[in-house]
Amino acid sequence: MAFSMKDVHFALGETSILEDINIDLPPGRIYGILGPNGSGKSTWLDLLIRHRVPQQGMVEYNGHPLGSYSRKQISKEMALVPQDYRLNFPFQVLEVLLMGRYPFLPRFASPGSRDLDIVREVMQKTGLEKFQDRMVTELSGGERQRVVFARALVQDTPVLILDEATASLDIKHGLHLLSLVRQKNQQARTTVFSVFQDINLAAAFCSHIIFFKQGRILLHGPTTEVLTPQNLERVFDVRAKVYFDDYAQSTQVVFKV
C-alpha cells in the first residue's frame, strides 16, 4: 500500500479544509484529482508530501506513519510539481535540473556521472537541451514550468505529485510531459497524483479518479467506472455527456451550456 489516510481532518484556524478523509491508495496507478475550486485538492496533496500535517487522523506511506520519515527520505520517495513555482534566482537550467539529484547526494558532495546522465536523459526527453546554459530568469513562464517539471523527473522518485502542473503550458508541451509521466508509470510502476481542471485530460491519462467536494472525498475508483454524467452532476452541478472517443482512445466529456 503506497498511501493510506485514516480519519484525517485538516483546518486553517477555525476554517475546516478537509474532513473525514479515509482512503487507501495502492501504488502503480495514475490518480486524477478532480473537484470544484476550494474543495481541498491542493491541501490534500500537501498532506501526502507532508508540507502540511493533519490536526487529526493518520497519513501512512508504505505501512509507516508519514511523520516517521525525514525530509530527505521523503525527497527520495516523492517529487512535486506545483502549479506556480517561482524561480527568481539566476541559476542556469542545468543547475536547476541538477537540484533534483540533491536528495541522493552525501552532504557537500558534487553530482556524479550517473546524476549527470539522468539529467541529460531528461533534458533530451523534455526538449530542454537548447536551454541548458540559459538563466531561468530569462525564460518565459511556460518554459520555466517545463524546467520545474523536468527537475521533478530528474528526481526519479517512486511517487510523483502534480498540482495543475501543466495548466500554464501550451497543448503540445503539456501533452508531451504527461505522456512521459505515463510512460514512466507503465515502465517502472510509479505512482502519480495529479490535480486537473481539464476533465478530459484527466480521463485520457489517469487510470483512477478521486472526486473532491466541500473538503471531502465524494467518490473514487477506476476512471471508466466513476466518470459518469450522474457523478459529474453530483460533483460540479453541471450536465454532461460521457462517451468513449475512438480518436482519443479514452473516455471523454462534453458539457451542455
Protein backbone atom coordinates (compact mmCIF):
# COMPACT_ATOMS: atom_id res chain seq x y z
CA MET A 1 0.00 0.00 0.00
CA ALA A 2 1.56 3.30 -1.09
CA PHE A 3 -0.63 5.65 0.96
CA SER A 4 -3.38 5.28 3.50
CA MET A 5 -5.39 8.02 5.19
CA LYS A 6 -7.47 7.27 8.27
CA ASP A 7 -9.93 9.76 9.78
CA VAL A 8 -7.90 12.72 8.53
CA HIS A 9 -9.06 16.24 9.35
CA PHE A 10 -7.27 19.47 8.47
CA ALA A 11 -8.21 23.08 9.27
CA LEU A 12 -6.69 26.52 8.92
CA GLY A 13 -7.62 28.37 12.08
CA GLU A 14 -11.36 27.96 12.51
CA THR A 15 -11.89 27.02 8.86
CA SER A 16 -12.19 23.31 8.11
CA ILE A 17 -10.48 22.41 4.82
CA LEU A 18 -10.62 18.59 4.83
CA GLU A 19 -12.91 16.34 6.85
CA ASP A 20 -13.26 12.59 7.36
CA ILE A 21 -10.70 11.54 4.78
CA ASN A 22 -10.46 7.75 4.70
CA ILE A 23 -8.83 6.17 1.68
CA ASP A 24 -6.30 3.51 0.70
CA LEU A 25 -4.19 4.27 -2.37
CA PRO A 26 -2.38 1.29 -3.90
CA PRO A 27 0.85 2.02 -5.79
CA GLY A 28 1.41 1.90 -9.54
CA ARG A 29 -1.63 3.95 -10.54
CA ILE A 30 -2.14 7.39 -12.03
CA TYR A 31 -4.73 9.15 -9.89
CA GLY A 32 -6.57 12.15 -11.28
CA ILE A 33 -7.74 14.58 -8.58
CA LEU A 34 -10.85 16.49 -9.60
CA GLY A 35 -13.29 18.81 -7.88
CA PRO A 36 -14.58 22.39 -7.72
CA ASN A 37 -12.31 25.24 -6.70
CA GLY A 38 -11.75 25.32 -2.96
CA SER A 39 -12.71 21.68 -2.43
CA GLY A 40 -9.39 20.80 -0.75
CA LYS A 41 -7.46 19.18 -3.60
CA SER A 42 -4.16 21.05 -3.21
CA THR A 43 -4.29 20.81 0.58
CA TRP A 44 -4.77 17.05 0.25
CA LEU A 45 -1.62 16.86 -1.89
CA ASP A 46 0.22 18.88 0.77
CA LEU A 47 -0.70 16.20 3.31
CA LEU A 48 0.63 13.46 1.01
CA ILE A 49 4.03 15.10 0.76
CA ARG A 50 4.00 16.33 4.39
CA HIS A 51 4.04 20.01 3.57
CA ARG A 52 1.12 20.09 5.99
CA VAL A 53 0.23 17.86 8.93
CA PRO A 54 -3.36 16.91 9.81
CA GLN A 55 -4.77 18.01 13.15
CA GLN A 56 -6.48 14.64 13.44
CA GLY A 57 -6.02 11.23 11.87
CA MET A 58 -3.09 9.38 10.33
CA VAL A 59 -1.33 9.50 6.96
CA GLU A 60 0.75 6.40 6.24
CA TYR A 61 3.21 5.69 3.46
CA ASN A 62 4.24 2.10 2.74
CA GLY A 63 2.80 1.00 6.06
CA HIS A 64 4.59 3.59 8.21
CA PRO A 65 3.40 6.93 9.60
CA LEU A 66 4.42 9.67 7.20
CA GLY A 67 5.74 11.64 10.17
CA SER A 68 8.38 8.97 10.77
CA TYR A 69 10.14 9.88 7.51
CA SER A 70 12.79 12.60 7.44
CA ARG A 71 12.57 15.38 4.89
CA LYS A 72 15.45 13.81 2.95
CA GLN A 73 13.75 10.41 2.95
CA ILE A 74 10.55 11.97 1.63
CA SER A 75 12.55 13.74 -1.10
CA LYS A 76 13.91 10.36 -2.19
CA GLU A 77 10.39 8.95 -2.38
CA MET A 78 8.27 11.84 -3.68
CA ALA A 79 8.69 14.65 -6.19
CA LEU A 80 6.32 17.62 -6.51
CA VAL A 81 5.49 19.85 -9.46
CA PRO A 82 3.45 22.78 -8.09
CA GLN A 83 1.21 24.92 -10.26
CA ASP A 84 3.09 28.15 -9.56
CA TYR A 85 6.72 27.75 -8.50
CA ARG A 86 8.73 30.95 -8.72
CA LEU A 87 12.34 30.64 -9.87
CA ASN A 88 13.67 34.11 -9.14
CA PHE A 89 17.37 33.35 -8.77
CA PRO A 90 19.69 33.47 -11.81
CA PHE A 91 20.53 29.75 -11.98
CA GLN A 92 21.25 28.05 -15.27
CA VAL A 93 18.69 25.50 -16.38
CA LEU A 94 21.29 22.73 -15.99
CA GLU A 95 21.90 23.82 -12.38
CA VAL A 96 18.19 23.76 -11.59
CA LEU A 97 17.80 20.26 -13.01
CA LEU A 98 20.79 19.02 -11.01
CA MET A 99 18.95 20.17 -7.85
CA GLY A 100 16.67 17.21 -8.44
CA ARG A 101 19.59 14.92 -7.56
CA TYR A 102 20.44 16.66 -4.25
CA PRO A 103 18.41 14.27 -2.04
CA PHE A 104 20.61 11.39 -3.23
CA LEU A 105 23.97 13.06 -2.64
CA PRO A 106 26.04 12.91 0.54
CA ARG A 107 26.45 16.23 2.30
CA PHE A 108 28.75 18.63 0.39
CA ALA A 109 29.18 16.06 -2.44
CA SER A 110 29.01 17.06 -6.10
CA PRO A 111 26.80 15.29 -8.64
CA GLY A 112 28.44 12.21 -10.16
CA SER A 113 28.39 10.75 -13.64
CA ARG A 114 25.12 8.89 -13.03
CA ASP A 115 23.44 12.10 -11.86
CA LEU A 116 24.62 13.89 -14.98
CA ASP A 117 23.42 11.02 -17.17
CA ILE A 118 19.95 11.23 -15.62
CA VAL A 119 19.84 14.99 -16.19
CA ARG A 120 20.98 14.67 -19.81
CA GLU A 121 18.38 11.99 -20.49
CA VAL A 122 15.58 14.11 -19.02
CA MET A 123 16.74 17.19 -20.92
CA GLN A 124 16.65 15.20 -24.15
CA LYS A 125 13.19 13.77 -23.44
CA THR A 126 11.73 17.12 -22.42
CA GLY A 127 13.38 19.15 -25.19
CA LEU A 128 15.30 21.38 -22.79
CA GLU A 129 18.80 20.76 -24.20
CA LYS A 130 18.85 24.10 -26.02
CA PHE A 131 18.06 25.88 -22.73
CA GLN A 132 20.67 24.19 -20.53
CA ASP A 133 23.01 27.21 -20.36
CA ARG A 134 20.23 29.80 -20.16
CA MET A 135 19.32 31.51 -16.91
CA VAL A 136 15.87 30.50 -15.74
CA THR A 137 15.10 34.16 -15.09
CA GLU A 138 15.38 34.73 -18.86
CA LEU A 139 12.75 32.12 -19.74
CA SER A 140 9.04 32.58 -20.30
CA GLY A 141 6.57 31.37 -17.67
CA GLY A 142 5.76 28.25 -19.66
CA GLU A 143 9.44 27.46 -20.22
CA ARG A 144 10.14 27.83 -16.50
CA GLN A 145 7.31 25.44 -15.72
CA ARG A 146 8.83 22.89 -18.09
CA VAL A 147 12.11 23.24 -16.16
CA VAL A 148 10.34 22.68 -12.83
CA PHE A 149 8.57 19.64 -14.29
CA ALA A 150 11.85 18.28 -15.64
CA ARG A 151 13.55 18.75 -12.27
CA ALA A 152 10.90 16.50 -10.71
CA LEU A 153 11.56 13.88 -13.40
CA VAL A 154 15.29 14.11 -12.63
CA GLN A 155 14.46 13.36 -9.00
CA ASP A 156 13.34 9.93 -10.29
CA THR A 157 11.11 9.05 -7.33
CA PRO A 158 8.53 6.27 -6.91
CA VAL A 159 5.82 8.90 -6.33
CA LEU A 160 5.16 11.97 -8.48
CA ILE A 161 2.74 14.67 -7.33
CA LEU A 162 1.43 17.17 -9.88
CA ASP A 163 -0.65 20.14 -8.77
CA GLU A 164 -2.13 21.51 -12.00
CA ALA A 165 1.40 21.08 -13.31
CA THR A 166 0.53 21.63 -16.98
CA ALA A 167 -2.01 24.45 -16.55
CA SER A 168 0.43 27.13 -17.77
CA LEU A 169 1.79 25.08 -20.67
CA ASP A 170 0.66 25.06 -24.28
CA ILE A 171 -1.14 21.96 -25.54
CA LYS A 172 1.90 20.40 -27.23
CA HIS A 173 4.23 20.60 -24.24
CA GLY A 174 1.54 19.71 -21.71
CA LEU A 175 0.58 16.56 -23.61
CA HIS A 176 4.22 15.62 -24.11
CA LEU A 177 5.11 15.89 -20.42
CA LEU A 178 2.03 13.94 -19.37
CA SER A 179 2.96 11.27 -21.92
CA LEU A 180 6.41 10.99 -20.33
CA VAL A 181 4.76 10.56 -16.94
CA ARG A 182 2.52 7.80 -18.29
CA GLN A 183 5.48 6.02 -19.91
CA LYS A 184 7.36 6.05 -16.61
CA ASN A 185 4.27 4.73 -14.83
CA GLN A 186 3.98 1.86 -17.30
CA GLN A 187 7.69 1.01 -17.22
CA ALA A 188 8.51 1.46 -13.53
CA ARG A 189 5.04 1.26 -11.90
CA THR A 190 5.44 4.70 -10.39
CA THR A 191 2.50 6.24 -8.52
CA VAL A 192 1.18 9.58 -9.76
CA PHE A 193 -1.26 12.01 -8.15
CA SER A 194 -2.32 14.84 -10.44
CA VAL A 195 -4.80 17.66 -9.89
CA PHE A 196 -6.57 18.64 -13.11
CA GLN A 197 -9.02 21.33 -14.06
CA ASP A 198 -9.42 19.73 -17.51
CA ILE A 199 -11.59 16.64 -17.01
CA ASN A 200 -10.78 15.29 -20.47
CA LEU A 201 -7.04 15.39 -19.77
CA ALA A 202 -7.65 13.51 -16.55
CA ALA A 203 -9.78 10.96 -18.39
CA ALA A 204 -7.11 10.46 -21.05
CA PHE A 205 -4.15 9.99 -18.69
CA CYS A 206 -5.49 8.64 -15.38
CA SER A 207 -6.40 5.08 -14.50
CA HIS A 208 -8.30 6.23 -11.41
CA ILE A 209 -10.21 9.36 -10.41
CA ILE A 210 -10.72 10.87 -6.95
CA PHE A 211 -13.54 13.41 -6.74
CA PHE A 212 -13.45 16.08 -4.02
CA LYS A 213 -16.30 18.32 -2.94
CA GLN A 214 -16.52 20.64 0.06
CA GLY A 215 -13.47 19.19 1.78
CA ARG A 216 -14.46 15.55 1.44
CA ILE A 217 -13.71 12.71 -0.96
CA LEU A 218 -17.11 12.28 -2.55
CA LEU A 219 -16.20 9.16 -4.55
CA HIS A 220 -13.24 7.44 -6.17
CA GLY A 221 -12.46 4.48 -8.39
CA PRO A 222 -11.38 3.43 -11.89
CA THR A 223 -11.88 6.22 -14.41
CA THR A 224 -14.23 4.21 -16.63
CA GLU A 225 -16.47 3.44 -13.65
CA VAL A 226 -16.70 6.76 -11.80
CA LEU A 227 -16.62 9.21 -14.70
CA THR A 228 -20.36 9.27 -15.38
CA PRO A 229 -22.88 12.03 -16.10
CA GLN A 230 -24.55 11.41 -12.75
CA ASN A 231 -21.28 11.74 -10.81
CA LEU A 232 -20.21 14.86 -12.71
CA GLU A 233 -23.52 16.48 -11.83
CA ARG A 234 -23.07 15.49 -8.16
CA VAL A 235 -19.57 16.97 -8.05
CA PHE A 236 -19.76 20.01 -10.33
CA ASP A 237 -23.51 20.71 -10.59
CA VAL A 238 -23.34 20.59 -14.39
CA ARG A 239 -24.95 18.39 -17.01
CA ALA A 240 -22.60 16.38 -19.17
CA LYS A 241 -22.39 13.61 -21.73
CA VAL A 242 -19.70 10.96 -21.23
CA TYR A 243 -18.61 8.73 -24.11
CA PHE A 244 -15.66 6.74 -25.41
CA ASP A 245 -13.83 8.61 -28.15
CA ASP A 246 -12.14 6.44 -30.78
CA TYR A 247 -9.66 9.14 -31.79
CA ALA A 248 -8.53 9.91 -28.23
CA GLN A 249 -8.86 6.23 -27.25
CA SER A 250 -10.25 7.29 -23.90
CA THR A 251 -13.41 8.35 -22.14
CA GLN A 252 -14.26 11.98 -22.88
CA VAL A 253 -16.78 14.52 -21.62
CA VAL A 254 -18.82 17.24 -23.30
CA PHE A 255 -20.92 19.75 -21.40
CA LYS A 256 -24.26 21.31 -22.11
CA VAL A 257 -24.21 25.07 -21.70
